[in-house]
PDB file of N, CA and C in Angstrom:
ATOM      1  N   UNK A   1      61.830 137.746 -28.857  1.00  0.00           N
ATOM      2  CA  UNK A   1      61.574 136.319 -28.740  1.00  0.00           C
ATOM      3  C   UNK A   1      62.780 135.527 -29.225  1.00  0.00           C
ATOM      4  N   UNK A   2      63.340 135.903 -30.342  1.00  0.00           N
ATOM      5  CA  UNK A   2      64.499 135.212 -30.880  1.00  0.00           C
ATOM      6  C   UNK A   2      65.691 135.371 -29.942  1.00  0.00           C
ATOM      7  N   UNK A   3      65.799 136.545 -29.346  1.00  0.00           N
ATOM      8  CA  UNK A   3      66.895 136.789 -28.417  1.00  0.00           C
ATOM      9  C   UNK A   3      66.797 135.852 -27.209  1.00  0.00           C
ATOM     10  N   UNK A   4      65.595 135.634 -26.707  1.00  0.00           N
ATOM     11  CA  UNK A   4      65.391 134.720 -25.570  1.00  0.00           C
ATOM     12  C   UNK A   4      65.805 133.293 -25.917  1.00  0.00           C
ATOM     13  N   UNK A   5      65.501 132.885 -27.134  1.00  0.00           N
ATOM     14  CA  UNK A   5      65.876 131.532 -27.564  1.00  0.00           C
ATOM     15  C   UNK A   5      67.400 131.398 -27.647  1.00  0.00           C
ATOM     16  N   UNK A   6      68.053 132.434 -28.140  1.00  0.00           N
ATOM     17  CA  UNK A   6      69.516 132.406 -28.265  1.00  0.00           C
ATOM     18  C   UNK A   6      70.151 132.333 -26.867  1.00  0.00           C
ATOM     19  N   UNK A   7      69.658 133.163 -25.955  1.00  0.00           N
ATOM     20  CA  UNK A   7      70.194 133.163 -24.589  1.00  0.00           C
ATOM     21  C   UNK A   7      69.955 131.807 -23.931  1.00  0.00           C
ATOM     22  N   UNK A   8      68.786 131.239 -24.109  1.00  0.00           N
ATOM     23  CA  UNK A   8      68.471 129.927 -23.537  1.00  0.00           C
ATOM     24  C   UNK A   8      69.392 128.857 -24.108  1.00  0.00           C
ATOM     25  N   UNK A   9      69.627 128.902 -25.404  1.00  0.00           N
ATOM     26  CA  UNK A   9      70.513 127.920 -26.045  1.00  0.00           C
ATOM     27  C   UNK A   9      71.936 128.071 -25.549  1.00  0.00           C
ATOM     28  N   UNK A  10      72.392 129.299 -25.385  1.00  0.00           N
ATOM     29  CA  UNK A  10      73.743 129.527 -24.874  1.00  0.00           C
ATOM     30  C   UNK A  10      73.892 129.031 -23.438  1.00  0.00           C
ATOM     31  N   UNK A  11      72.903 129.299 -22.613  1.00  0.00           N
ATOM     32  CA  UNK A  11      72.954 128.832 -21.215  1.00  0.00           C
ATOM     33  C   UNK A  11      72.922 127.307 -21.135  1.00  0.00           C
ATOM     34  N   UNK A  12      72.116 126.692 -21.963  1.00  0.00           N
ATOM     35  CA  UNK A  12      72.045 125.230 -21.977  1.00  0.00           C
ATOM     36  C   UNK A  12      73.380 124.637 -22.433  1.00  0.00           C
ATOM     37  N   UNK A  13      73.980 125.256 -23.454  1.00  0.00           N
ATOM     38  CA  UNK A  13      75.292 124.798 -23.930  1.00  0.00           C
ATOM     39  C   UNK A  13      76.360 124.986 -22.876  1.00  0.00           C
ATOM     40  N   UNK A  14      76.306 126.068 -22.140  1.00  0.00           N
ATOM     41  CA  UNK A  14      77.279 126.334 -21.077  1.00  0.00           C
ATOM     42  C   UNK A  14      77.153 125.304 -19.959  1.00  0.00           C
ATOM     43  N   UNK A  15      75.948 124.884 -19.677  1.00  0.00           N
ATOM     44  CA  UNK A  15      75.742 123.878 -18.630  1.00  0.00           C
ATOM     45  C   UNK A  15      76.449 122.580 -18.990  1.00  0.00           C
ATOM     46  N   UNK A  16      76.446 122.221 -20.256  1.00  0.00           N
ATOM     47  CA  UNK A  16      77.140 121.005 -20.670  1.00  0.00           C
ATOM     48  C   UNK A  16      78.649 121.160 -20.554  1.00  0.00           C
ATOM     49  N   UNK A  17      79.140 122.365 -20.764  1.00  0.00           N
ATOM     50  CA  UNK A  17      80.582 122.611 -20.698  1.00  0.00           C
ATOM     51  C   UNK A  17      81.130 122.527 -19.281  1.00  0.00           C
ATOM     52  N   UNK A  18      80.342 122.874 -18.286  1.00  0.00           N
ATOM     53  CA  UNK A  18      80.838 122.885 -16.910  1.00  0.00           C
ATOM     54  C   UNK A  18      80.395 121.665 -16.119  1.00  0.00           C
ATOM     55  N   UNK A  19      79.629 120.782 -16.725  1.00  0.00           N
ATOM     56  CA  UNK A  19      79.208 119.567 -16.037  1.00  0.00           C
ATOM     57  C   UNK A  19      80.406 118.659 -15.841  1.00  0.00           C
ATOM     58  N   UNK A  20      80.724 118.279 -14.589  1.00  0.00           N
ATOM     59  CA  UNK A  20      81.891 117.420 -14.370  1.00  0.00           C
ATOM     60  C   UNK A  20      81.681 116.032 -14.965  1.00  0.00           C
ATOM     61  N   UNK A  21      82.730 115.505 -15.523  1.00  0.00           N
ATOM     62  CA  UNK A  21      82.710 114.163 -16.092  1.00  0.00           C
ATOM     63  C   UNK A  21      83.546 113.279 -15.180  1.00  0.00           C
ATOM     64  N   UNK A  22      82.997 112.159 -14.709  1.00  0.00           N
ATOM     65  CA  UNK A  22      83.780 111.311 -13.826  1.00  0.00           C
ATOM     66  C   UNK A  22      85.029 110.786 -14.529  1.00  0.00           C
ATOM     67  N   UNK A  23      86.127 110.804 -13.812  1.00  0.00           N
ATOM     68  CA  UNK A  23      87.391 110.297 -14.359  1.00  0.00           C
ATOM     69  C   UNK A  23      87.385 108.777 -14.343  1.00  0.00           C
ATOM     70  N   UNK A  24      87.895 108.195 -15.397  1.00  0.00           N
ATOM     71  CA  UNK A  24      87.993 106.739 -15.486  1.00  0.00           C
ATOM     72  C   UNK A  24      89.477 106.389 -15.545  1.00  0.00           C
ATOM     73  N   UNK A  25      89.912 105.556 -14.623  1.00  0.00           N
ATOM     74  CA  UNK A  25      91.314 105.180 -14.554  1.00  0.00           C
ATOM     75  C   UNK A  25      91.455 103.698 -14.841  1.00  0.00           C
ATOM     76  N   UNK A  26      91.980 103.353 -15.983  1.00  0.00           N
ATOM     77  CA  UNK A  26      92.272 101.964 -16.300  1.00  0.00           C
ATOM     78  C   UNK A  26      91.023 101.117 -16.478  1.00  0.00           C
ATOM     79  N   UNK A  27      91.212  99.832 -16.251  1.00  0.00           N
ATOM     80  CA  UNK A  27      90.146  98.852 -16.431  1.00  0.00           C
ATOM     81  C   UNK A  27      89.206  98.862 -15.229  1.00  0.00           C
ATOM     82  N   UNK A  28      88.022  98.269 -15.351  1.00  0.00           N
ATOM     83  CA  UNK A  28      87.130  98.165 -14.192  1.00  0.00           C
ATOM     84  C   UNK A  28      87.793  97.427 -13.019  1.00  0.00           C
ATOM     85  N   UNK A  29      88.641  96.438 -13.312  1.00  0.00           N
ATOM     86  CA  UNK A  29      89.325  95.713 -12.245  1.00  0.00           C
ATOM     87  C   UNK A  29      90.288  96.632 -11.496  1.00  0.00           C
ATOM     88  N   UNK A  30      90.989  97.501 -12.227  1.00  0.00           N
ATOM     89  CA  UNK A  30      91.905  98.439 -11.583  1.00  0.00           C
ATOM     90  C   UNK A  30      91.138  99.456 -10.745  1.00  0.00           C
ATOM     91  N   UNK A  31      89.995  99.888 -11.256  1.00  0.00           N
ATOM     92  CA  UNK A  31      89.162 100.825 -10.505  1.00  0.00           C
ATOM     93  C   UNK A  31      88.669 100.177  -9.216  1.00  0.00           C
ATOM     94  N   UNK A  32      88.227  98.933  -9.301  1.00  0.00           N
ATOM     95  CA  UNK A  32      87.729  98.216  -8.126  1.00  0.00           C
ATOM     96  C   UNK A  32      88.852  97.981  -7.120  1.00  0.00           C
ATOM     97  N   UNK A  33      90.033  97.623  -7.607  1.00  0.00           N
ATOM     98  CA  UNK A  33      91.167  97.383  -6.711  1.00  0.00           C
ATOM     99  C   UNK A  33      91.547  98.654  -5.978  1.00  0.00           C
ATOM    100  N   UNK A  34      91.471  99.791  -6.657  1.00  0.00           N
ATOM    101  CA  UNK A  34      91.790 101.057  -6.009  1.00  0.00           C
ATOM    102  C   UNK A  34      90.735 101.403  -4.970  1.00  0.00           C
ATOM    103  N   UNK A  35      89.511 100.970  -5.201  1.00  0.00           N
ATOM    104  CA  UNK A  35      88.415 101.259  -4.284  1.00  0.00           C
ATOM    105  C   UNK A  35      88.615 100.525  -2.958  1.00  0.00           C
ATOM    106  N   UNK A  36      89.046  99.279  -2.997  1.00  0.00           N
ATOM    107  CA  UNK A  36      89.233  98.469  -1.798  1.00  0.00           C
ATOM    108  C   UNK A  36      90.681  98.013  -1.714  1.00  0.00           C
ATOM    109  N   UNK A  37      91.374  98.537  -0.762  1.00  0.00           N
ATOM    110  CA  UNK A  37      92.778  98.179  -0.554  1.00  0.00           C
ATOM    111  C   UNK A  37      92.886  97.481   0.797  1.00  0.00           C
ATOM    112  N   UNK A  38      93.417  96.272   0.809  1.00  0.00           N
ATOM    113  CA  UNK A  38      93.601  95.529   2.057  1.00  0.00           C
ATOM    114  C   UNK A  38      94.734  94.539   1.858  1.00  0.00           C
ATOM    115  N   UNK A  39      95.535  94.377   2.907  1.00  0.00           N
ATOM    116  CA  UNK A  39      96.617  93.404   2.847  1.00  0.00           C
ATOM    117  C   UNK A  39      96.770  92.736   4.204  1.00  0.00           C
ATOM    118  N   UNK A  40      96.706  91.407   4.201  1.00  0.00           N
ATOM    119  CA  UNK A  40      97.029  90.674   5.411  1.00  0.00           C
ATOM    120  C   UNK A  40      98.510  90.872   5.702  1.00  0.00           C
ATOM    121  N   UNK A  41      98.863  90.851   6.975  1.00  0.00           N
ATOM    122  CA  UNK A  41     100.269  90.926   7.371  1.00  0.00           C
ATOM    123  C   UNK A  41     100.776  89.506   7.589  1.00  0.00           C
ATOM    124  N   UNK A  42     102.079  89.322   7.560  1.00  0.00           N
ATOM    125  CA  UNK A  42     102.661  87.994   7.732  1.00  0.00           C
ATOM    126  C   UNK A  42     102.269  87.386   9.073  1.00  0.00           C
ATOM    127  N   UNK A  43     102.244  88.184  10.132  1.00  0.00           N
ATOM    128  CA  UNK A  43     101.913  87.660  11.462  1.00  0.00           C
ATOM    129  C   UNK A  43     100.434  87.303  11.623  1.00  0.00           C
ATOM    130  N   UNK A  44      99.581  87.733  10.698  1.00  0.00           N
ATOM    131  CA  UNK A  44      98.157  87.417  10.777  1.00  0.00           C
ATOM    132  C   UNK A  44      97.889  85.928  10.590  1.00  0.00           C
ATOM    133  N   UNK A  45      98.712  85.238   9.821  1.00  0.00           N
ATOM    134  CA  UNK A  45      98.489  83.813   9.551  1.00  0.00           C
ATOM    135  C   UNK A  45      98.512  83.004  10.848  1.00  0.00           C
ATOM    136  N   UNK A  46      99.479  83.238  11.707  1.00  0.00           N
ATOM    137  CA  UNK A  46      99.582  82.478  12.962  1.00  0.00           C
ATOM    138  C   UNK A  46      98.370  82.731  13.852  1.00  0.00           C
ATOM    139  N   UNK A  47      97.936  83.969  13.950  1.00  0.00           N
ATOM    140  CA  UNK A  47      96.762  84.306  14.767  1.00  0.00           C
ATOM    141  C   UNK A  47      95.516  83.614  14.232  1.00  0.00           C
ATOM    142  N   UNK A  48      95.342  83.659  12.905  1.00  0.00           N
ATOM    143  CA  UNK A  48      94.155  83.067  12.301  1.00  0.00           C
ATOM    144  C   UNK A  48      94.161  81.545  12.413  1.00  0.00           C
ATOM    145  N   UNK A  49      95.319  80.919  12.272  1.00  0.00           N
ATOM    146  CA  UNK A  49      95.404  79.459  12.416  1.00  0.00           C
ATOM    147  C   UNK A  49      94.954  79.020  13.798  1.00  0.00           C
ATOM    148  N   UNK A  50      95.323  79.756  14.818  1.00  0.00           N
ATOM    149  CA  UNK A  50      94.928  79.420  16.190  1.00  0.00           C
ATOM    150  C   UNK A  50      93.419  79.528  16.367  1.00  0.00           C
ATOM    151  N   UNK A  51      92.791  80.404  15.608  1.00  0.00           N
ATOM    152  CA  UNK A  51      91.356  80.614  15.742  1.00  0.00           C
ATOM    153  C   UNK A  51      90.499  79.558  15.070  1.00  0.00           C
ATOM    154  N   UNK A  52      91.117  78.696  14.280  1.00  0.00           N
ATOM    155  CA  UNK A  52      90.346  77.688  13.548  1.00  0.00           C
ATOM    156  C   UNK A  52      90.801  76.297  13.917  1.00  0.00           C
ATOM    157  N   UNK A  53      90.148  75.732  14.907  1.00  0.00           N
ATOM    158  CA  UNK A  53      90.465  74.377  15.359  1.00  0.00           C
ATOM    159  C   UNK A  53      89.986  73.335  14.339  1.00  0.00           C
ATOM    160  N   UNK A  54      88.985  73.708  13.533  1.00  0.00           N
ATOM    161  CA  UNK A  54      88.438  72.759  12.551  1.00  0.00           C
ATOM    162  C   UNK A  54      89.243  72.699  11.268  1.00  0.00           C
ATOM    163  N   UNK A  55      90.438  73.293  11.253  1.00  0.00           N
ATOM    164  CA  UNK A  55      91.278  73.220  10.062  1.00  0.00           C
ATOM    165  C   UNK A  55      91.595  71.775   9.710  1.00  0.00           C
ATOM    166  N   UNK A  56      91.566  70.894  10.714  1.00  0.00           N
ATOM    167  CA  UNK A  56      91.847  69.480  10.457  1.00  0.00           C
ATOM    168  C   UNK A  56      90.760  68.862   9.576  1.00  0.00           C
ATOM    169  N   UNK A  57      89.585  69.471   9.530  1.00  0.00           N
ATOM    170  CA  UNK A  57      88.480  68.947   8.722  1.00  0.00           C
ATOM    171  C   UNK A  57      88.578  69.332   7.244  1.00  0.00           C
ATOM    172  N   UNK A  58      89.492  70.221   6.909  1.00  0.00           N
ATOM    173  CA  UNK A  58      89.627  70.676   5.516  1.00  0.00           C
ATOM    174  C   UNK A  58      90.295  69.578   4.693  1.00  0.00           C
ATOM    175  N   UNK A  59      89.704  69.269   3.542  1.00  0.00           N
ATOM    176  CA  UNK A  59      90.300  68.314   2.608  1.00  0.00           C
ATOM    177  C   UNK A  59      91.315  69.085   1.763  1.00  0.00           C
ATOM    178  N   UNK A  60      92.546  69.151   2.256  1.00  0.00           N
ATOM    179  CA  UNK A  60      93.575  69.989   1.650  1.00  0.00           C
ATOM    180  C   UNK A  60      93.861  69.621   0.197  1.00  0.00           C
ATOM    181  N   UNK A  61      93.675  68.367  -0.176  1.00  0.00           N
ATOM    182  CA  UNK A  61      94.003  67.961  -1.550  1.00  0.00           C
ATOM    183  C   UNK A  61      92.898  68.298  -2.547  1.00  0.00           C
ATOM    184  N   UNK A  62      91.687  68.589  -2.064  1.00  0.00           N
ATOM    185  CA  UNK A  62      90.573  68.857  -2.975  1.00  0.00           C
ATOM    186  C   UNK A  62      89.922  70.222  -2.748  1.00  0.00           C
ATOM    187  N   UNK A  63      90.594  71.095  -2.086  1.00  0.00           N
ATOM    188  CA  UNK A  63      89.994  72.407  -1.829  1.00  0.00           C
ATOM    189  C   UNK A  63      90.199  73.324  -3.026  1.00  0.00           C
ATOM    190  N   UNK A  64      89.396  74.364  -3.077  1.00  0.00           N
ATOM    191  CA  UNK A  64      89.514  75.325  -4.164  1.00  0.00           C
ATOM    192  C   UNK A  64      90.743  76.194  -4.005  1.00  0.00           C
ATOM    193  N   UNK A  65      90.944  77.039  -4.975  1.00  0.00           N
ATOM    194  CA  UNK A  65      92.058  77.978  -4.943  1.00  0.00           C
ATOM    195  C   UNK A  65      91.484  79.386  -4.987  1.00  0.00           C
ATOM    196  N   UNK A  66      91.924  80.227  -4.086  1.00  0.00           N
ATOM    197  CA  UNK A  66      91.434  81.597  -4.021  1.00  0.00           C
ATOM    198  C   UNK A  66      92.606  82.556  -4.186  1.00  0.00           C
ATOM    199  N   UNK A  67      92.423  83.579  -5.014  1.00  0.00           N
ATOM    200  CA  UNK A  67      93.476  84.562  -5.258  1.00  0.00           C
ATOM    201  C   UNK A  67      92.868  85.962  -5.231  1.00  0.00           C
ATOM    202  N   UNK A  68      93.679  86.923  -4.814  1.00  0.00           N
ATOM    203  CA  UNK A  68      93.243  88.319  -4.846  1.00  0.00           C
ATOM    204  C   UNK A  68      92.926  88.695  -6.289  1.00  0.00           C
ATOM    205  N   UNK A  69      91.808  89.355  -6.474  1.00  0.00           N
ATOM    206  CA  UNK A  69      91.356  89.719  -7.814  1.00  0.00           C
ATOM    207  C   UNK A  69      90.396  88.705  -8.406  1.00  0.00           C
ATOM    208  N   UNK A  70      90.355  87.493  -7.822  1.00  0.00           N
ATOM    209  CA  UNK A  70      89.405  86.476  -8.271  1.00  0.00           C
ATOM    210  C   UNK A  70      88.044  86.704  -7.631  1.00  0.00           C
ATOM    211  N   UNK A  71      87.130  85.804  -7.929  1.00  0.00           N
ATOM    212  CA  UNK A  71      85.782  85.898  -7.357  1.00  0.00           C
ATOM    213  C   UNK A  71      85.497  84.690  -6.492  1.00  0.00           C
ATOM    214  N   UNK A  72      84.607  84.878  -5.540  1.00  0.00           N
ATOM    215  CA  UNK A  72      84.166  83.756  -4.724  1.00  0.00           C
ATOM    216  C   UNK A  72      83.335  82.812  -5.590  1.00  0.00           C
ATOM    217  N   UNK A  73      83.378  81.501  -5.316  1.00  0.00           N
ATOM    218  CA  UNK A  73      82.588  80.555  -6.116  1.00  0.00           C
ATOM    219  C   UNK A  73      81.095  80.743  -5.851  1.00  0.00           C
ATOM    220  N   UNK A  74      80.285  80.205  -6.735  1.00  0.00           N
ATOM    221  CA  UNK A  74      78.833  80.351  -6.623  1.00  0.00           C
ATOM    222  C   UNK A  74      78.284  79.815  -5.302  1.00  0.00           C
ATOM    223  N   UNK A  75      78.873  78.765  -4.773  1.00  0.00           N
ATOM    224  CA  UNK A  75      78.361  78.148  -3.539  1.00  0.00           C
ATOM    225  C   UNK A  75      79.070  78.648  -2.278  1.00  0.00           C
ATOM    226  N   UNK A  76      79.703  79.809  -2.342  1.00  0.00           N
ATOM    227  CA  UNK A  76      80.511  80.304  -1.232  1.00  0.00           C
ATOM    228  C   UNK A  76      79.711  80.493   0.047  1.00  0.00           C
ATOM    229  N   UNK A  77      78.445  80.865  -0.056  1.00  0.00           N
ATOM    230  CA  UNK A  77      77.639  81.113   1.152  1.00  0.00           C
ATOM    231  C   UNK A  77      77.487  79.857   2.004  1.00  0.00           C
ATOM    232  N   UNK A  78      77.436  78.697   1.383  1.00  0.00           N
ATOM    233  CA  UNK A  78      77.303  77.428   2.112  1.00  0.00           C
ATOM    234  C   UNK A  78      78.600  77.053   2.821  1.00  0.00           C
ATOM    235  N   UNK A  79      79.725  77.513   2.287  1.00  0.00           N
ATOM    236  CA  UNK A  79      81.036  77.078   2.781  1.00  0.00           C
ATOM    237  C   UNK A  79      81.744  78.115   3.642  1.00  0.00           C
ATOM    238  N   UNK A  80      81.312  79.356   3.594  1.00  0.00           N
ATOM    239  CA  UNK A  80      81.985  80.438   4.309  1.00  0.00           C
ATOM    240  C   UNK A  80      81.615  80.407   5.790  1.00  0.00           C
ATOM    241  N   UNK A  81      82.629  80.613   6.634  1.00  0.00           N
ATOM    242  CA  UNK A  81      82.438  80.695   8.078  1.00  0.00           C
ATOM    243  C   UNK A  81      82.892  82.065   8.551  1.00  0.00           C
ATOM    244  N   UNK A  82      82.256  82.552   9.593  1.00  0.00           N
ATOM    245  CA  UNK A  82      82.609  83.862  10.139  1.00  0.00           C
ATOM    246  C   UNK A  82      83.979  83.809  10.808  1.00  0.00           C
ATOM    247  N   UNK A  83      84.676  84.914  10.745  1.00  0.00           N
ATOM    248  CA  UNK A  83      85.931  85.065  11.477  1.00  0.00           C
ATOM    249  C   UNK A  83      85.552  85.574  12.861  1.00  0.00           C
ATOM    250  N   UNK A  84      86.045  84.930  13.925  1.00  0.00           N
ATOM    251  CA  UNK A  84      85.690  85.374  15.278  1.00  0.00           C
ATOM    252  C   UNK A  84      86.020  86.853  15.501  1.00  0.00           C
ATOM    253  N   UNK A  85      85.132  87.546  16.200  1.00  0.00           N
ATOM    254  CA  UNK A  85      85.296  88.980  16.446  1.00  0.00           C
ATOM    255  C   UNK A  85      86.620  89.291  17.139  1.00  0.00           C
ATOM    256  N   UNK A  86      87.069  88.421  18.023  1.00  0.00           N
ATOM    257  CA  UNK A  86      88.338  88.648  18.717  1.00  0.00           C
ATOM    258  C   UNK A  86      89.502  88.686  17.721  1.00  0.00           C
ATOM    259  N   UNK A  87      89.428  87.851  16.691  1.00  0.00           N
ATOM    260  CA  UNK A  87      90.485  87.851  15.674  1.00  0.00           C
ATOM    261  C   UNK A  87      90.396  89.075  14.768  1.00  0.00           C
ATOM    262  N   UNK A  88      89.182  89.472  14.429  1.00  0.00           N
ATOM    263  CA  UNK A  88      89.007  90.638  13.560  1.00  0.00           C
ATOM    264  C   UNK A  88      89.630  91.869  14.210  1.00  0.00           C
ATOM    265  N   UNK A  89      89.505  91.962  15.528  1.00  0.00           N
ATOM    266  CA  UNK A  89      90.081  93.095  16.241  1.00  0.00           C
ATOM    267  C   UNK A  89      91.601  93.159  16.168  1.00  0.00           C
ATOM    268  N   UNK A  90      92.255  92.036  15.879  1.00  0.00           N
ATOM    269  CA  UNK A  90      93.712  91.998  15.786  1.00  0.00           C
ATOM    270  C   UNK A  90      94.226  92.191  14.357  1.00  0.00           C
ATOM    271  N   UNK A  91      93.320  92.257  13.397  1.00  0.00           N
ATOM    272  CA  UNK A  91      93.690  92.409  11.985  1.00  0.00           C
ATOM    273  C   UNK A  91      93.626  93.875  11.578  1.00  0.00           C
ATOM    274  N   UNK A  92      94.278  94.240  10.469  1.00  0.00           N
ATOM    275  CA  UNK A  92      94.094  95.593   9.946  1.00  0.00           C
ATOM    276  C   UNK A  92      92.607  95.837   9.672  1.00  0.00           C
ATOM    277  N   UNK A  93      92.181  97.080   9.766  1.00  0.00           N
ATOM    278  CA  UNK A  93      90.768  97.424   9.565  1.00  0.00           C
ATOM    279  C   UNK A  93      90.290  96.968   8.184  1.00  0.00           C
ATOM    280  N   UNK A  94      89.131  96.329   8.167  1.00  0.00           N
ATOM    281  CA  UNK A  94      88.524  95.872   6.913  1.00  0.00           C
ATOM    282  C   UNK A  94      87.885  97.101   6.234  1.00  0.00           C
ATOM    283  N   UNK A  95      88.146  97.326   4.943  1.00  0.00           N
ATOM    284  CA  UNK A  95      87.578  98.504   4.266  1.00  0.00           C
ATOM    285  C   UNK A  95      86.048  98.463   4.231  1.00  0.00           C
ATOM    286  N   UNK A  96      85.449  99.636   4.209  1.00  0.00           N
ATOM    287  CA  UNK A  96      83.991  99.731   4.064  1.00  0.00           C
ATOM    288  C   UNK A  96      83.584  99.045   2.763  1.00  0.00           C
ATOM    289  N   UNK A  97      82.473  98.326   2.806  1.00  0.00           N
ATOM    290  CA  UNK A  97      82.005  97.615   1.617  1.00  0.00           C
ATOM    291  C   UNK A  97      82.622  96.247   1.460  1.00  0.00           C
ATOM    292  N   UNK A  98      83.450  95.840   2.423  1.00  0.00           N
ATOM    293  CA  UNK A  98      84.097  94.531   2.375  1.00  0.00           C
ATOM    294  C   UNK A  98      83.727  93.729   3.615  1.00  0.00           C
ATOM    295  N   UNK A  99      83.953  92.444   3.528  1.00  0.00           N
ATOM    296  CA  UNK A  99      83.742  91.538   4.649  1.00  0.00           C
ATOM    297  C   UNK A  99      84.897  90.544   4.658  1.00  0.00           C
ATOM    298  N   UNK A 100      85.018  89.834   5.775  1.00  0.00           N
ATOM    299  CA  UNK A 100      86.071  88.825   5.897  1.00  0.00           C
ATOM    300  C   UNK A 100      85.413  87.509   6.279  1.00  0.00           C
ATOM    301  N   UNK A 101      85.954  86.411   5.757  1.00  0.00           N
ATOM    302  CA  UNK A 101      85.416  85.097   6.070  1.00  0.00           C
ATOM    303  C   UNK A 101      86.474  84.022   5.909  1.00  0.00           C
ATOM    304  N   UNK A 102      86.130  82.827   6.370  1.00  0.00           N
ATOM    305  CA  UNK A 102      87.013  81.660   6.315  1.00  0.00           C
ATOM    306  C   UNK A 102      86.355  80.630   5.415  1.00  0.00           C
ATOM    307  N   UNK A 103      87.098  80.168   4.404  1.00  0.00           N
ATOM    308  CA  UNK A 103      86.551  79.191   3.464  1.00  0.00           C
ATOM    309  C   UNK A 103      87.667  78.260   2.997  1.00  0.00           C
ATOM    310  N   UNK A 104      87.461  76.974   3.159  1.00  0.00           N
ATOM    311  CA  UNK A 104      88.390  75.946   2.672  1.00  0.00           C
ATOM    312  C   UNK A 104      89.844  76.163   3.089  1.00  0.00           C
ATOM    313  N   UNK A 105      90.062  76.644   4.304  1.00  0.00           N
ATOM    314  CA  UNK A 105      91.430  76.839   4.782  1.00  0.00           C
ATOM    315  C   UNK A 105      92.043  78.176   4.407  1.00  0.00           C
ATOM    316  N   UNK A 106      91.253  79.058   3.857  1.00  0.00           N
ATOM    317  CA  UNK A 106      91.705  80.398   3.505  1.00  0.00           C
ATOM    318  C   UNK A 106      90.895  81.421   4.301  1.00  0.00           C
ATOM    319  N   UNK A 107      91.500  82.549   4.636  1.00  0.00           N
ATOM    320  CA  UNK A 107      90.757  83.720   5.091  1.00  0.00           C
ATOM    321  C   UNK A 107      90.763  84.683   3.923  1.00  0.00           C
ATOM    322  N   UNK A 108      89.593  85.177   3.585  1.00  0.00           N
ATOM    323  CA  UNK A 108      89.471  86.080   2.454  1.00  0.00           C
ATOM    324  C   UNK A 108      88.765  87.358   2.874  1.00  0.00           C
ATOM    325  N   UNK A 109      89.243  88.458   2.338  1.00  0.00           N
ATOM    326  CA  UNK A 109      88.546  89.739   2.434  1.00  0.00           C
ATOM    327  C   UNK A 109      87.954  89.953   1.057  1.00  0.00           C
ATOM    328  N   UNK A 110      86.643  90.208   1.014  1.00  0.00           N
ATOM    329  CA  UNK A 110      85.971  90.301  -0.279  1.00  0.00           C
ATOM    330  C   UNK A 110      85.000  91.472  -0.314  1.00  0.00           C
ATOM    331  N   UNK A 111      84.756  91.953  -1.523  1.00  0.00           N
ATOM    332  CA  UNK A 111      83.804  93.027  -1.766  1.00  0.00           C
ATOM    333  C   UNK A 111      82.403  92.427  -1.660  1.00  0.00           C
ATOM    334  N   UNK A 112      81.564  92.999  -0.794  1.00  0.00           N
ATOM    335  CA  UNK A 112      80.231  92.437  -0.575  1.00  0.00           C
ATOM    336  C   UNK A 112      79.265  92.708  -1.724  1.00  0.00           C
ATOM    337  N   UNK A 113      79.626  93.598  -2.632  1.00  0.00           N
ATOM    338  CA  UNK A 113      78.760  93.881  -3.783  1.00  0.00           C
ATOM    339  C   UNK A 113      79.098  93.046  -4.995  1.00  0.00           C
ATOM    340  N   UNK A 114      80.389  92.838  -5.233  1.00  0.00           N
ATOM    341  CA  UNK A 114      80.820  92.123  -6.435  1.00  0.00           C
ATOM    342  C   UNK A 114      81.329  90.714  -6.136  1.00  0.00           C
ATOM    343  N   UNK A 115      81.583  90.420  -4.859  1.00  0.00           N
ATOM    344  CA  UNK A 115      82.146  89.140  -4.398  1.00  0.00           C
ATOM    345  C   UNK A 115      83.551  88.899  -4.954  1.00  0.00           C
ATOM    346  N   UNK A 116      84.216  89.995  -5.302  1.00  0.00           N
ATOM    347  CA  UNK A 116      85.608  89.910  -5.729  1.00  0.00           C
ATOM    348  C   UNK A 116      86.495  89.829  -4.491  1.00  0.00           C
ATOM    349  N   UNK A 117      87.514  88.986  -4.568  1.00  0.00           N
ATOM    350  CA  UNK A 117      88.435  88.804  -3.456  1.00  0.00           C
ATOM    351  C   UNK A 117      89.456  89.950  -3.483  1.00  0.00           C
ATOM    352  N   UNK A 118      89.517  90.685  -2.367  1.00  0.00           N
ATOM    353  CA  UNK A 118      90.443  91.807  -2.249  1.00  0.00           C
ATOM    354  C   UNK A 118      91.807  91.310  -1.792  1.00  0.00           C
ATOM    355  N   UNK A 119      91.822  90.405  -0.802  1.00  0.00           N
ATOM    356  CA  UNK A 119      93.072  89.784  -0.355  1.00  0.00           C
ATOM    357  C   UNK A 119      92.728  88.432   0.245  1.00  0.00           C
ATOM    358  N   UNK A 120      93.723  87.560   0.257  1.00  0.00           N
ATOM    359  CA  UNK A 120      93.529  86.191   0.745  1.00  0.00           C
ATOM    360  C   UNK A 120      94.776  85.744   1.464  1.00  0.00           C
ATOM    361  N   UNK A 121      94.592  84.913   2.488  1.00  0.00           N
ATOM    362  CA  UNK A 121      95.730  84.318   3.187  1.00  0.00           C
ATOM    363  C   UNK A 121      95.441  82.836   3.360  1.00  0.00           C
ATOM    364  N   UNK A 122      96.396  82.017   2.944  1.00  0.00           N
ATOM    365  CA  UNK A 122      96.268  80.557   3.012  1.00  0.00           C
ATOM    366  C   UNK A 122      96.696  80.108   4.406  1.00  0.00           C
ATOM    367  N   UNK A 123      95.838  79.381   5.106  1.00  0.00           N
ATOM    368  CA  UNK A 123      96.130  78.939   6.467  1.00  0.00           C
ATOM    369  C   UNK A 123      96.605  77.491   6.525  1.00  0.00           C
ATOM    370  N   UNK A 124      97.019  76.932   5.419  1.00  0.00           N
ATOM    371  CA  UNK A 124      97.479  75.535   5.386  1.00  0.00           C
ATOM    372  C   UNK A 124      98.747  75.390   6.177  1.00  0.00           C
TER     373      UNK A 124
END
């Protein structure tokens, strides 16, 4: 009986030794950035500007500021517009778990779970 307990304890201890531990690299922001990698190209700005005729309606002096690594504002759903499918086809592939939208004169690629901005291009 004692031998069975010892063997059971040894096997249980061995299970802990071989259990993989997830690797953690840097800060949560660095981990998230590594998860979603996207970059607009310089030529994308001209294509996107042509796709938005309502850019004249943007109040350029009072619009928000969006930066990669930042978060979308709380009211982003009211202000975000879809990027036309024809334009999406001309852009680099959007990473899984991300979406693209147009807000206040910017096109942003953002994480749909955290609403963190992966990349942004100013269309002013």
